[in-house]
Protein backbone atom coordinates (compact mmCIF):
# COMPACT_ATOMS: atom_id res chain seq x y z
CA GLN A 1 -28.71 -8.11 247.98
CA VAL A 2 -26.01 -5.64 247.06
CA GLN A 3 -23.23 -3.96 249.01
CA LEU A 4 -22.35 -0.38 248.13
CA VAL A 5 -19.14 1.45 249.02
CA GLU A 6 -18.71 5.16 248.32
CA SER A 7 -15.46 7.01 247.88
CA GLY A 8 -14.18 10.32 246.58
CA GLY A 9 -15.46 12.74 249.18
CA GLY A 10 -13.29 15.38 250.76
CA LEU A 11 -12.71 19.06 251.38
CA VAL A 12 -12.81 21.43 248.42
CA GLN A 13 -13.07 25.16 247.94
CA ALA A 14 -16.17 26.74 246.47
CA GLY A 15 -16.08 26.52 242.70
CA GLY A 16 -14.08 23.32 242.75
CA SER A 17 -14.94 19.82 241.62
CA LEU A 18 -15.14 16.34 243.07
CA ARG A 19 -16.02 12.97 241.61
CA LEU A 20 -17.77 10.50 243.85
CA SER A 21 -17.65 6.79 243.12
CA CYS A 22 -19.84 3.97 244.34
CA ALA A 23 -18.63 0.41 243.98
CA ALA A 24 -21.42 -2.16 243.87
CA SER A 25 -20.95 -5.84 244.68
CA SER A 26 -23.40 -6.66 241.92
CA VAL A 27 -25.58 -4.85 239.38
CA PHE A 28 -27.88 -7.83 238.87
CA GLN A 29 -31.56 -6.85 239.07
CA ILE A 30 -30.84 -3.28 240.12
CA ASN A 31 -33.71 -1.15 238.86
CA THR A 32 -32.40 2.27 239.71
CA MET A 33 -29.32 3.81 241.26
CA ALA A 34 -29.06 7.22 242.79
CA TRP A 35 -27.08 9.61 244.93
CA TYR A 36 -28.64 11.17 248.02
CA ARG A 37 -27.19 13.61 250.51
CA GLN A 38 -27.89 14.62 254.07
CA ALA A 39 -26.69 17.85 255.62
CA PRO A 40 -26.60 18.35 259.41
CA GLY A 41 -30.07 18.95 260.76
CA LYS A 42 -31.73 18.25 257.42
CA GLN A 43 -33.52 15.33 255.85
CA ARG A 44 -31.84 13.09 253.33
CA GLU A 45 -32.61 14.33 249.83
CA LEU A 46 -32.28 12.97 246.31
CA VAL A 47 -29.42 14.55 244.41
CA ALA A 48 -29.42 12.55 241.17
CA GLY A 49 -31.06 9.37 239.94
CA LEU A 50 -30.34 7.02 237.06
CA PHE A 51 -33.23 4.89 235.89
CA ILE A 52 -33.84 1.99 233.54
CA GLY A 53 -33.35 3.11 229.96
CA GLY A 54 -30.77 5.67 230.96
CA MET A 55 -33.16 8.37 232.11
CA THR A 56 -31.76 10.73 234.69
CA ASP A 57 -33.24 13.10 237.23
CA TYR A 58 -31.57 15.82 239.24
CA ALA A 59 -32.48 18.02 242.14
CA ASP A 60 -33.08 21.57 240.94
CA SER A 61 -30.24 22.79 243.14
CA VAL A 62 -27.64 20.72 241.25
CA LYS A 63 -28.92 20.81 237.66
CA GLY A 64 -26.21 21.90 235.27
CA ARG A 65 -23.48 21.28 237.85
CA PHE A 66 -23.69 17.58 238.72
CA THR A 67 -23.70 14.57 236.38
CA ILE A 68 -24.62 11.01 237.32
CA SER A 69 -23.24 8.11 235.32
CA LYS A 70 -22.82 4.36 235.57
CA ASP A 71 -20.30 1.80 234.38
CA ASN A 72 -21.93 -1.64 234.40
CA ALA A 73 -18.73 -3.40 233.40
CA ASN A 74 -17.01 -2.07 236.51
CA LYS A 75 -20.18 -2.18 238.63
CA ALA A 76 -19.75 1.47 239.52
CA LEU A 77 -21.87 4.56 239.88
CA TYR A 78 -20.38 8.03 239.67
CA LEU A 79 -21.33 11.57 240.53
CA GLN A 80 -19.30 14.32 238.91
CA MET A 81 -19.76 17.51 240.89
CA ASN A 82 -18.63 20.80 239.41
CA SER A 83 -18.96 24.42 240.57
CA LEU A 84 -19.41 23.24 244.12
CA LYS A 85 -21.05 25.55 246.63
CA PRO A 86 -20.89 25.61 250.44
CA GLU A 87 -24.54 24.50 250.50
CA ASP A 88 -23.47 21.25 248.80
CA THR A 89 -21.75 20.27 252.05
CA ALA A 90 -23.27 16.99 253.23
CA VAL A 91 -22.75 13.28 253.57
CA TYR A 92 -23.42 11.72 250.18
CA TYR A 93 -24.96 8.25 249.98
CA CYS A 94 -25.15 5.80 247.13
CA ASN A 95 -28.51 4.08 246.72
CA ALA A 96 -29.64 1.04 244.75
CA ARG A 97 -33.19 -0.20 244.45
CA ILE A 98 -33.89 -3.85 243.75
CA ARG A 99 -37.52 -4.95 243.42
CA GLY A 100 -38.69 -2.08 245.60
CA GLU A 101 -36.08 -2.56 248.31
CA ASP A 102 -33.48 0.14 248.98
CA TYR A 103 -29.83 -0.51 249.69
CA TRP A 104 -27.42 2.13 250.98
CA GLY A 105 -23.72 2.71 251.25
CA GLN A 106 -22.08 4.06 254.38
CA GLY A 107 -21.75 7.57 252.95
CA THR A 108 -18.88 9.86 252.09
CA GLN A 109 -18.42 13.37 253.47
CA VAL A 110 -18.23 16.31 251.09
CA THR A 111 -17.25 19.66 252.59
CA VAL A 112 -17.17 22.82 250.50
CA SER A 113 -15.45 25.81 252.03
CA SER A 114 -16.33 29.38 251.08
């Protein structure tokens, strides 16, 4: 099992930046880590994923603006978000997958004002 705690959300103007952090209790046996988001009235969607070997994947809507990274020594996952848009407003969740089982953080709110 792993516990995940997100931080770094907040209110920012359009065009601004935020850096989300996810602190993991352990990185042992984690296959992939990712950031998801859920806007009001919408389904949770994948924003960025980091896979074994360092491969990354991004939603088309955030490519070129968001960057996912990991620090194994500090057991942390990050999401650098630049050029934020009002449509990026959502609760952002950290995800870890261990042997096919998903673990989630409690989420952090990101609000982008126009």
